[in-house]
Amino acid sequence: MTNLRALLAQNIKKRREKLGISQAKLAEKADTSTNYIAQIEQQNKFPSSEMLERIALALEFDSSELFSVGPYPVKALQKFQEGVKADIENRLEKLIKSNKL
């Protein structure tokens, strides 16, 4: 089982680095202090739900992605699910039209 504080810290840092922004820039975008972002990344602080939303917005993340364990972002999974659903609907429609259902 993964520690939520560690998972959050890892995901924030990884996303921040992927975007190429510093802790200071993230703090500015999330309207908080650089020290607070550093404390979160060092697992010394755990932000409020409001702060989590601000950090997610600043990182251009869905807030649930802050706690994602897998390598797949939420948007990628949603897109995959939509594709599967569309494929199933298309196949059903073809079967109905051909009277094979």
PDB file of N, CA and C in Angstrom:
ATOM      1  N   MET A   1       0.844  -1.182   0.000  1.00  0.00           N
ATOM      2  CA  MET A   1       0.000   0.000   0.000  1.00  0.00           C
ATOM      3  C   MET A   1       0.889   1.245   0.000  1.00  0.00           C
ATOM      4  N   THR A   2       0.534   2.185  -0.812  1.00  0.00           N
ATOM      5  CA  THR A   2       1.319   3.393  -0.959  1.00  0.00           C
ATOM      6  C   THR A   2       0.859   4.461   0.027  1.00  0.00           C
ATOM      7  N   ASN A   3       1.808   5.119   0.644  1.00  0.00           N
ATOM      8  CA  ASN A   3       1.535   6.232   1.533  1.00  0.00           C
ATOM      9  C   ASN A   3       1.020   7.404   0.690  1.00  0.00           C
ATOM     10  N   LEU A   4      -0.145   7.960   1.032  1.00  0.00           N
ATOM     11  CA  LEU A   4      -0.732   9.051   0.253  1.00  0.00           C
ATOM     12  C   LEU A   4       0.164  10.278   0.194  1.00  0.00           C
ATOM     13  N   ARG A   5       0.795  10.571   1.300  1.00  0.00           N
ATOM     14  CA  ARG A   5       1.674  11.741   1.349  1.00  0.00           C
ATOM     15  C   ARG A   5       2.849  11.568   0.370  1.00  0.00           C
ATOM     16  N   ALA A   6       3.411  10.361   0.350  1.00  0.00           N
ATOM     17  CA  ALA A   6       4.533  10.069  -0.552  1.00  0.00           C
ATOM     18  C   ALA A   6       4.067  10.081  -2.007  1.00  0.00           C
ATOM     19  N   LEU A   7       2.898   9.503  -2.258  1.00  0.00           N
ATOM     20  CA  LEU A   7       2.355   9.462  -3.615  1.00  0.00           C
ATOM     21  C   LEU A   7       2.076  10.870  -4.129  1.00  0.00           C
ATOM     22  N   LEU A   8       1.472  11.686  -3.293  1.00  0.00           N
ATOM     23  CA  LEU A   8       1.197  13.071  -3.673  1.00  0.00           C
ATOM     24  C   LEU A   8       2.494  13.819  -3.976  1.00  0.00           C
ATOM     25  N   ALA A   9       3.459  13.697  -3.092  1.00  0.00           N
ATOM     26  CA  ALA A   9       4.742  14.387  -3.273  1.00  0.00           C
ATOM     27  C   ALA A   9       5.403  13.968  -4.580  1.00  0.00           C
ATOM     28  N   GLN A  10       5.408  12.682  -4.829  1.00  0.00           N
ATOM     29  CA  GLN A  10       6.034  12.146  -6.052  1.00  0.00           C
ATOM     30  C   GLN A  10       5.316  12.657  -7.302  1.00  0.00           C
ATOM     31  N   ASN A  11       3.982  12.621  -7.297  1.00  0.00           N
ATOM     32  CA  ASN A  11       3.230  13.043  -8.481  1.00  0.00           C
ATOM     33  C   ASN A  11       3.348  14.541  -8.740  1.00  0.00           C
ATOM     34  N   ILE A  12       3.363  15.333  -7.686  1.00  0.00           N
ATOM     35  CA  ILE A  12       3.538  16.780  -7.874  1.00  0.00           C
ATOM     36  C   ILE A  12       4.915  17.067  -8.455  1.00  0.00           C
ATOM     37  N   LYS A  13       5.928  16.489  -7.853  1.00  0.00           N
ATOM     38  CA  LYS A  13       7.292  16.747  -8.320  1.00  0.00           C
ATOM     39  C   LYS A  13       7.490  16.262  -9.754  1.00  0.00           C
ATOM     40  N   LYS A  14       7.001  15.069 -10.056  1.00  0.00           N
ATOM     41  CA  LYS A  14       7.162  14.508 -11.399  1.00  0.00           C
ATOM     42  C   LYS A  14       6.466  15.376 -12.440  1.00  0.00           C
ATOM     43  N   ARG A  15       5.247  15.803 -12.131  1.00  0.00           N
ATOM     44  CA  ARG A  15       4.488  16.628 -13.072  1.00  0.00           C
ATOM     45  C   ARG A  15       5.130  18.008 -13.232  1.00  0.00           C
ATOM     46  N   ARG A  16       5.574  18.566 -12.112  1.00  0.00           N
ATOM     47  CA  ARG A  16       6.224  19.881 -12.148  1.00  0.00           C
ATOM     48  C   ARG A  16       7.464  19.823 -13.033  1.00  0.00           C
ATOM     49  N   GLU A  17       8.269  18.786 -12.848  1.00  0.00           N
ATOM     50  CA  GLU A  17       9.483  18.632 -13.643  1.00  0.00           C
ATOM     51  C   GLU A  17       9.155  18.373 -15.113  1.00  0.00           C
ATOM     52  N   LYS A  18       8.091  17.621 -15.376  1.00  0.00           N
ATOM     53  CA  LYS A  18       7.683  17.361 -16.753  1.00  0.00           C
ATOM     54  C   LYS A  18       7.283  18.657 -17.453  1.00  0.00           C
ATOM     55  N   LEU A  19       6.632  19.545 -16.700  1.00  0.00           N
ATOM     56  CA  LEU A  19       6.236  20.842 -17.254  1.00  0.00           C
ATOM     57  C   LEU A  19       7.409  21.815 -17.320  1.00  0.00           C
ATOM     58  N   GLY A  20       8.511  21.455 -16.658  1.00  0.00           N
ATOM     59  CA  GLY A  20       9.690  22.320 -16.663  1.00  0.00           C
ATOM     60  C   GLY A  20       9.528  23.568 -15.824  1.00  0.00           C
ATOM     61  N   ILE A  21       8.762  23.456 -14.734  1.00  0.00           N
ATOM     62  CA  ILE A  21       8.584  24.629 -13.877  1.00  0.00           C
ATOM     63  C   ILE A  21       9.217  24.382 -12.507  1.00  0.00           C
ATOM     64  N   SER A  22       9.664  25.446 -11.910  1.00  0.00           N
ATOM     65  CA  SER A  22      10.293  25.376 -10.588  1.00  0.00           C
ATOM     66  C   SER A  22       9.226  25.326  -9.499  1.00  0.00           C
ATOM     67  N   GLN A  23       9.674  25.041  -8.289  1.00  0.00           N
ATOM     68  CA  GLN A  23       8.763  25.106  -7.140  1.00  0.00           C
ATOM     69  C   GLN A  23       8.214  26.521  -7.000  1.00  0.00           C
ATOM     70  N   ALA A  24       9.051  27.506  -7.256  1.00  0.00           N
ATOM     71  CA  ALA A  24       8.624  28.908  -7.147  1.00  0.00           C
ATOM     72  C   ALA A  24       7.521  29.223  -8.151  1.00  0.00           C
ATOM     73  N   LYS A  25       7.661  28.740  -9.370  1.00  0.00           N
ATOM     74  CA  LYS A  25       6.653  28.998 -10.401  1.00  0.00           C
ATOM     75  C   LYS A  25       5.348  28.281 -10.057  1.00  0.00           C
ATOM     76  N   LEU A  26       5.456  27.031  -9.570  1.00  0.00           N
ATOM     77  CA  LEU A  26       4.259  26.301  -9.153  1.00  0.00           C
ATOM     78  C   LEU A  26       3.568  27.041  -8.007  1.00  0.00           C
ATOM     79  N   ALA A  27       4.351  27.495  -7.050  1.00  0.00           N
ATOM     80  CA  ALA A  27       3.796  28.234  -5.909  1.00  0.00           C
ATOM     81  C   ALA A  27       3.062  29.487  -6.385  1.00  0.00           C
ATOM     82  N   GLU A  28       3.660  30.183  -7.325  1.00  0.00           N
ATOM     83  CA  GLU A  28       3.037  31.396  -7.867  1.00  0.00           C
ATOM     84  C   GLU A  28       1.709  31.053  -8.546  1.00  0.00           C
ATOM     85  N   LYS A  29       1.708  30.005  -9.375  1.00  0.00           N
ATOM     86  CA  LYS A  29       0.495  29.605 -10.091  1.00  0.00           C
ATOM     87  C   LYS A  29      -0.597  29.102  -9.142  1.00  0.00           C
ATOM     88  N   ALA A  30      -0.197  28.480  -8.026  1.00  0.00           N
ATOM     89  CA  ALA A  30      -1.162  27.937  -7.056  1.00  0.00           C
ATOM     90  C   ALA A  30      -1.481  28.931  -5.946  1.00  0.00           C
ATOM     91  N   ASP A  31      -0.896  30.115  -6.022  1.00  0.00           N
ATOM     92  CA  ASP A  31      -1.115  31.172  -5.031  1.00  0.00           C
ATOM     93  C   ASP A  31      -0.761  30.712  -3.616  1.00  0.00           C
ATOM     94  N   THR A  32       0.472  30.227  -3.485  1.00  0.00           N
ATOM     95  CA  THR A  32       1.000  29.807  -2.188  1.00  0.00           C
ATOM     96  C   THR A  32       2.488  30.128  -2.153  1.00  0.00           C
ATOM     97  N   SER A  33       3.164  29.689  -1.122  1.00  0.00           N
ATOM     98  CA  SER A  33       4.593  29.992  -1.012  1.00  0.00           C
ATOM     99  C   SER A  33       5.442  28.850  -1.566  1.00  0.00           C
ATOM    100  N   THR A  34       6.634  29.206  -1.987  1.00  0.00           N
ATOM    101  CA  THR A  34       7.597  28.210  -2.456  1.00  0.00           C
ATOM    102  C   THR A  34       7.919  27.237  -1.334  1.00  0.00           C
ATOM    103  N   ASN A  35       8.050  27.751  -0.123  1.00  0.00           N
ATOM    104  CA  ASN A  35       8.350  26.908   1.027  1.00  0.00           C
ATOM    105  C   ASN A  35       7.257  25.854   1.242  1.00  0.00           C
ATOM    106  N   TYR A  36       6.005  26.244   1.038  1.00  0.00           N
ATOM    107  CA  TYR A  36       4.900  25.300   1.232  1.00  0.00           C
ATOM    108  C   TYR A  36       4.959  24.179   0.186  1.00  0.00           C
ATOM    109  N   ILE A  37       5.234  24.538  -1.056  1.00  0.00           N
ATOM    110  CA  ILE A  37       5.376  23.519  -2.114  1.00  0.00           C
ATOM    111  C   ILE A  37       6.532  22.586  -1.774  1.00  0.00           C
ATOM    112  N   ALA A  38       7.632  23.141  -1.320  1.00  0.00           N
ATOM    113  CA  ALA A  38       8.786  22.318  -0.935  1.00  0.00           C
ATOM    114  C   ALA A  38       8.421  21.380   0.208  1.00  0.00           C
ATOM    115  N   GLN A  39       7.669  21.885   1.164  1.00  0.00           N
ATOM    116  CA  GLN A  39       7.254  21.058   2.306  1.00  0.00           C
ATOM    117  C   GLN A  39       6.353  19.898   1.852  1.00  0.00           C
ATOM    118  N   ILE A  40       5.495  20.152   0.886  1.00  0.00           N
ATOM    119  CA  ILE A  40       4.638  19.093   0.344  1.00  0.00           C
ATOM    120  C   ILE A  40       5.497  18.056  -0.372  1.00  0.00           C
ATOM    121  N   GLU A  41       6.407  18.519  -1.214  1.00  0.00           N
ATOM    122  CA  GLU A  41       7.270  17.599  -1.964  1.00  0.00           C
ATOM    123  C   GLU A  41       8.209  16.809  -1.052  1.00  0.00           C
ATOM    124  N   GLN A  42       8.528  17.360   0.112  1.00  0.00           N
ATOM    125  CA  GLN A  42       9.380  16.652   1.080  1.00  0.00           C
ATOM    126  C   GLN A  42       8.548  15.811   2.049  1.00  0.00           C
ATOM    127  N   GLN A  43       7.238  15.772   1.815  1.00  0.00           N
ATOM    128  CA  GLN A  43       6.307  14.983   2.612  1.00  0.00           C
ATOM    129  C   GLN A  43       6.158  15.480   4.052  1.00  0.00           C
ATOM    130  N   ASN A  44       6.466  16.741   4.281  1.00  0.00           N
ATOM    131  CA  ASN A  44       6.326  17.316   5.615  1.00  0.00           C
ATOM    132  C   ASN A  44       4.958  17.954   5.833  1.00  0.00           C
ATOM    133  N   LYS A  45       4.277  18.287   4.754  1.00  0.00           N
ATOM    134  CA  LYS A  45       2.954  18.914   4.834  1.00  0.00           C
ATOM    135  C   LYS A  45       2.006  18.165   3.907  1.00  0.00           C
ATOM    136  N   PHE A  46       0.717  18.196   4.277  1.00  0.00           N
ATOM    137  CA  PHE A  46      -0.331  17.635   3.426  1.00  0.00           C
ATOM    138  C   PHE A  46      -1.362  18.727   3.218  1.00  0.00           C
ATOM    139  N   PRO A  47      -1.581  19.130   1.972  1.00  0.00           N
ATOM    140  CA  PRO A  47      -2.455  20.277   1.697  1.00  0.00           C
ATOM    141  C   PRO A  47      -3.940  19.994   1.909  1.00  0.00           C
ATOM    142  N   SER A  48      -4.683  21.080   2.104  1.00  0.00           N
ATOM    143  CA  SER A  48      -6.143  21.009   2.217  1.00  0.00           C
ATOM    144  C   SER A  48      -6.724  20.661   0.848  1.00  0.00           C
ATOM    145  N   SER A  49      -7.995  20.317   0.827  1.00  0.00           N
ATOM    146  CA  SER A  49      -8.643  19.993  -0.448  1.00  0.00           C
ATOM    147  C   SER A  49      -8.639  21.200  -1.387  1.00  0.00           C
ATOM    148  N   GLU A  50      -8.823  22.389  -0.826  1.00  0.00           N
ATOM    149  CA  GLU A  50      -8.782  23.601  -1.653  1.00  0.00           C
ATOM    150  C   GLU A  50      -7.396  23.777  -2.283  1.00  0.00           C
ATOM    151  N   MET A  51      -6.355  23.571  -1.482  1.00  0.00           N
ATOM    152  CA  MET A  51      -4.992  23.712  -2.002  1.00  0.00           C
ATOM    153  C   MET A  51      -4.694  22.625  -3.028  1.00  0.00           C
ATOM    154  N   LEU A  52      -5.186  21.414  -2.800  1.00  0.00           N
ATOM    155  CA  LEU A  52      -4.985  20.340  -3.781  1.00  0.00           C
ATOM    156  C   LEU A  52      -5.575  20.730  -5.133  1.00  0.00           C
ATOM    157  N   GLU A  53      -6.753  21.328  -5.113  1.00  0.00           N
ATOM    158  CA  GLU A  53      -7.381  21.768  -6.351  1.00  0.00           C
ATOM    159  C   GLU A  53      -6.564  22.866  -7.029  1.00  0.00           C
ATOM    160  N   ARG A  54      -6.044  23.790  -6.254  1.00  0.00           N
ATOM    161  CA  ARG A  54      -5.229  24.867  -6.828  1.00  0.00           C
ATOM    162  C   ARG A  54      -3.934  24.317  -7.420  1.00  0.00           C
ATOM    163  N   ILE A  55      -3.319  23.366  -6.722  1.00  0.00           N
ATOM    164  CA  ILE A  55      -2.086  22.756  -7.231  1.00  0.00           C
ATOM    165  C   ILE A  55      -2.382  21.977  -8.510  1.00  0.00           C
ATOM    166  N   ALA A  56      -3.462  21.205  -8.510  1.00  0.00           N
ATOM    167  CA  ALA A  56      -3.828  20.438  -9.706  1.00  0.00           C
ATOM    168  C   ALA A  56      -4.062  21.370 -10.893  1.00  0.00           C
ATOM    169  N   LEU A  57      -4.768  22.448 -10.668  1.00  0.00           N
ATOM    170  CA  LEU A  57      -5.018  23.424 -11.731  1.00  0.00           C
ATOM    171  C   LEU A  57      -3.699  24.016 -12.235  1.00  0.00           C
ATOM    172  N   ALA A  58      -2.821  24.357 -11.313  1.00  0.00           N
ATOM    173  CA  ALA A  58      -1.521  24.931 -11.686  1.00  0.00           C
ATOM    174  C   ALA A  58      -0.676  23.934 -12.472  1.00  0.00           C
ATOM    175  N   LEU A  59      -0.847  22.645 -12.184  1.00  0.00           N
ATOM    176  CA  LEU A  59      -0.093  21.600 -12.872  1.00  0.00           C
ATOM    177  C   LEU A  59      -0.815  21.077 -14.117  1.00  0.00           C
ATOM    178  N   GLU A  60      -1.978  21.697 -14.422  1.00  0.00           N
ATOM    179  CA  GLU A  60      -2.782  21.283 -15.570  1.00  0.00           C
ATOM    180  C   GLU A  60      -3.135  19.804 -15.469  1.00  0.00           C
ATOM    181  N   PHE A  61      -3.546  19.415 -14.274  1.00  0.00           N
ATOM    182  CA  PHE A  61      -3.886  18.045 -13.908  1.00  0.00           C
ATOM    183  C   PHE A  61      -5.343  17.991 -13.488  1.00  0.00           C
ATOM    184  N   ASP A  62      -5.963  16.842 -13.639  1.00  0.00           N
ATOM    185  CA  ASP A  62      -7.225  16.571 -12.959  1.00  0.00           C
ATOM    186  C   ASP A  62      -6.823  16.288 -11.517  1.00  0.00           C
ATOM    187  N   SER A  63      -7.571  16.785 -10.545  1.00  0.00           N
ATOM    188  CA  SER A  63      -7.147  16.631  -9.148  1.00  0.00           C
ATOM    189  C   SER A  63      -6.961  15.172  -8.741  1.00  0.00           C
ATOM    190  N   SER A  64      -7.718  14.253  -9.345  1.00  0.00           N
ATOM    191  CA  SER A  64      -7.550  12.837  -9.007  1.00  0.00           C
ATOM    192  C   SER A  64      -6.190  12.300  -9.454  1.00  0.00           C
ATOM    193  N   GLU A  65      -5.587  12.931 -10.460  1.00  0.00           N
ATOM    194  CA  GLU A  65      -4.279  12.495 -10.947  1.00  0.00           C
ATOM    195  C   GLU A  65      -3.171  12.750  -9.925  1.00  0.00           C
ATOM    196  N   LEU A  66      -3.429  13.640  -8.966  1.00  0.00           N
ATOM    197  CA  LEU A  66      -2.436  13.876  -7.924  1.00  0.00           C
ATOM    198  C   LEU A  66      -2.193  12.621  -7.093  1.00  0.00           C
ATOM    199  N   PHE A  67      -3.169  11.708  -7.094  1.00  0.00           N
ATOM    200  CA  PHE A  67      -3.064  10.484  -6.305  1.00  0.00           C
ATOM    201  C   PHE A  67      -3.041   9.232  -7.184  1.00  0.00           C
ATOM    202  N   SER A  68      -2.763   9.416  -8.459  1.00  0.00           N
ATOM    203  CA  SER A  68      -2.734   8.298  -9.394  1.00  0.00           C
ATOM    204  C   SER A  68      -1.491   7.447  -9.169  1.00  0.00           C
ATOM    205  N   VAL A  69      -1.698   6.137  -9.076  1.00  0.00           N
ATOM    206  CA  VAL A  69      -0.586   5.217  -8.878  1.00  0.00           C
ATOM    207  C   VAL A  69      -0.057   4.745 -10.219  1.00  0.00           C
ATOM    208  N   GLY A  70      -0.947   4.572 -11.157  1.00  0.00           N
ATOM    209  CA  GLY A  70      -0.571   4.032 -12.462  1.00  0.00           C
ATOM    210  C   GLY A  70       0.106   5.048 -13.349  1.00  0.00           C
ATOM    211  N   PRO A  71       0.671   4.556 -14.415  1.00  0.00           N
ATOM    212  CA  PRO A  71       1.354   5.448 -15.345  1.00  0.00           C
ATOM    213  C   PRO A  71       0.410   6.147 -16.312  1.00  0.00           C
ATOM    214  N   TYR A  72      -0.904   5.835 -16.217  1.00  0.00           N
ATOM    215  CA  TYR A  72      -1.847   6.383 -17.172  1.00  0.00           C
ATOM    216  C   TYR A  72      -2.614   7.556 -16.583  1.00  0.00           C
ATOM    217  N   PRO A  73      -2.541   8.718 -17.214  1.00  0.00           N
ATOM    218  CA  PRO A  73      -3.303   9.862 -16.727  1.00  0.00           C
ATOM    219  C   PRO A  73      -4.803   9.621 -16.912  1.00  0.00           C
ATOM    220  N   VAL A  74      -5.595  10.260 -16.102  1.00  0.00           N
ATOM    221  CA  VAL A  74      -7.043  10.104 -16.132  1.00  0.00           C
ATOM    222  C   VAL A  74      -7.595  10.389 -17.525  1.00  0.00           C
ATOM    223  N   LYS A  75      -7.122  11.430 -18.172  1.00  0.00           N
ATOM    224  CA  LYS A  75      -7.641  11.779 -19.497  1.00  0.00           C
ATOM    225  C   LYS A  75      -7.363  10.676 -20.511  1.00  0.00           C
ATOM    226  N   ALA A  76      -6.214  10.022 -20.415  1.00  0.00           N
ATOM    227  CA  ALA A  76      -5.900   8.923 -21.326  1.00  0.00           C
ATOM    228  C   ALA A  76      -6.844   7.749 -21.096  1.00  0.00           C
ATOM    229  N   LEU A  77      -7.138   7.448 -19.843  1.00  0.00           N
ATOM    230  CA  LEU A  77      -8.071   6.365 -19.537  1.00  0.00           C
ATOM    231  C   LEU A  77      -9.477   6.701 -20.008  1.00  0.00           C
ATOM    232  N   GLN A  78      -9.894   7.941 -19.824  1.00  0.00           N
ATOM    233  CA  GLN A  78     -11.221   8.352 -20.278  1.00  0.00           C
ATOM    234  C   GLN A  78     -11.327   8.237 -21.794  1.00  0.00           C
ATOM    235  N   LYS A  79     -10.277   8.650 -22.500  1.00  0.00           N
ATOM    236  CA  LYS A  79     -10.266   8.566 -23.950  1.00  0.00           C
ATOM    237  C   LYS A  79     -10.341   7.105 -24.398  1.00  0.00           C
ATOM    238  N   PHE A  80      -9.617   6.233 -23.721  1.00  0.00           N
ATOM    239  CA  PHE A  80      -9.656   4.808 -24.023  1.00  0.00           C
ATOM    240  C   PHE A  80     -11.066   4.258 -23.808  1.00  0.00           C
ATOM    241  N   GLN A  81     -11.680   4.602 -22.671  1.00  0.00           N
ATOM    242  CA  GLN A  81     -13.034   4.129 -22.372  1.00  0.00           C
ATOM    243  C   GLN A  81     -14.030   4.626 -23.425  1.00  0.00           C
ATOM    244  N   GLU A  82     -13.902   5.868 -23.837  1.00  0.00           N
ATOM    245  CA  GLU A  82     -14.787   6.414 -24.854  1.00  0.00           C
ATOM    246  C   GLU A  82     -14.616   5.673 -26.176  1.00  0.00           C
ATOM    247  N   GLY A  83     -13.374   5.333 -26.505  1.00  0.00           N
ATOM    248  CA  GLY A  83     -13.102   4.583 -27.731  1.00  0.00           C
ATOM    249  C   GLY A  83     -13.706   3.197 -27.694  1.00  0.00           C
ATOM    250  N   VAL A  84     -13.577   2.516 -26.570  1.00  0.00           N
ATOM    251  CA  VAL A  84     -14.163   1.183 -26.418  1.00  0.00           C
ATOM    252  C   VAL A  84     -15.679   1.265 -26.531  1.00  0.00           C
ATOM    253  N   LYS A  85     -16.271   2.243 -25.860  1.00  0.00           N
ATOM    254  CA  LYS A  85     -17.722   2.420 -25.909  1.00  0.00           C
ATOM    255  C   LYS A  85     -18.186   2.685 -27.339  1.00  0.00           C
ATOM    256  N   ALA A  86     -17.501   3.562 -28.058  1.00  0.00           N
ATOM    257  CA  ALA A  86     -17.872   3.876 -29.440  1.00  0.00           C
ATOM    258  C   ALA A  86     -17.748   2.636 -30.326  1.00  0.00           C
ATOM    259  N   ASP A  87     -16.718   1.845 -30.121  1.00  0.00           N
ATOM    260  CA  ASP A  87     -16.529   0.620 -30.898  1.00  0.00           C
ATOM    261  C   ASP A  87     -17.669  -0.361 -30.651  1.00  0.00           C
ATOM    262  N   ILE A  88     -18.042  -0.536 -29.400  1.00  0.00           N
ATOM    263  CA  ILE A  88     -19.154  -1.437 -29.054  1.00  0.00           C
ATOM    264  C   ILE A  88     -20.454  -0.939 -29.680  1.00  0.00           C
ATOM    265  N   GLU A  89     -20.704   0.362 -29.587  1.00  0.00           N
ATOM    266  CA  GLU A  89     -21.928   0.925 -30.161  1.00  0.00           C
ATOM    267  C   GLU A  89     -21.966   0.736 -31.678  1.00  0.00           C
ATOM    268  N   ASN A  90     -20.828   0.944 -32.347  1.00  0.00           N
ATOM    269  CA  ASN A  90     -20.759   0.763 -33.801  1.00  0.00           C
ATOM    270  C   ASN A  90     -21.019  -0.684 -34.188  1.00  0.00           C
ATOM    271  N   ARG A  91     -20.435  -1.610 -33.466  1.00  0.00           N
ATOM    272  CA  ARG A  91     -20.636  -3.027 -33.771  1.00  0.00           C
ATOM    273  C   ARG A  91     -22.085  -3.439 -33.542  1.00  0.00           C
ATOM    274  N   LEU A  92     -22.696  -2.951 -32.449  1.00  0.00           N
ATOM    275  CA  LEU A  92     -24.101  -3.258 -32.192  1.00  0.00           C
ATOM    276  C   LEU A  92     -24.995  -2.696 -33.288  1.00  0.00           C
ATOM    277  N   GLU A  93     -24.706  -1.491 -33.692  1.00  0.00           N
ATOM    278  CA  GLU A  93     -25.496  -0.855 -34.747  1.00  0.00           C
ATOM    279  C   GLU A  93     -25.414  -1.666 -36.041  1.00  0.00           C
ATOM    280  N   LYS A  94     -24.228  -2.132 -36.399  1.00  0.00           N
ATOM    281  CA  LYS A  94     -24.062  -2.951 -37.599  1.00  0.00           C
ATOM    282  C   LYS A  94     -24.825  -4.266 -37.483  1.00  0.00           C
ATOM    283  N   LEU A  95     -24.765  -4.883 -36.301  1.00  0.00           N
ATOM    284  CA  LEU A  95     -25.489  -6.138 -36.101  1.00  0.00           C
ATOM    285  C   LEU A  95     -27.000  -5.931 -36.185  1.00  0.00           C
ATOM    286  N   ILE A  96     -27.480  -4.841 -35.622  1.00  0.00           N
ATOM    287  CA  ILE A  96     -28.913  -4.550 -35.667  1.00  0.00           C
ATOM    288  C   ILE A  96     -29.345  -4.312 -37.108  1.00  0.00           C
ATOM    289  N   LYS A  97     -28.575  -3.550 -37.848  1.00  0.00           N
ATOM    290  CA  LYS A  97     -28.896  -3.261 -39.242  1.00  0.00           C
ATOM    291  C   LYS A  97     -28.892  -4.516 -40.115  1.00  0.00           C
ATOM    292  N   SER A  98     -28.022  -5.444 -39.779  1.00  0.00           N
ATOM    293  CA  SER A  98     -27.935  -6.677 -40.574  1.00  0.00           C
ATOM    294  C   SER A  98     -28.885  -7.752 -40.045  1.00  0.00           C
ATOM    295  N   ASN A  99     -29.681  -7.410 -39.025  1.00  0.00           N
ATOM    296  CA  ASN A  99     -30.652  -8.307 -38.412  1.00  0.00           C
ATOM    297  C   ASN A  99     -30.006  -9.577 -37.849  1.00  0.00           C
ATOM    298  N   LYS A 100     -28.798  -9.471 -37.392  1.00  0.00           N
ATOM    299  CA  LYS A 100     -28.119 -10.615 -36.821  1.00  0.00           C
ATOM    300  C   LYS A 100     -28.185 -10.607 -35.306  1.00  0.00           C
ATOM    301  N   LEU A 101     -28.891  -9.680 -34.753  1.00  0.00           N
ATOM    302  CA  LEU A 101     -29.025  -9.599 -33.306  1.00  0.00           C
ATOM    303  C   LEU A 101     -30.453  -9.829 -32.909  1.00  0.00           C
TER     304      LEU A 101
END
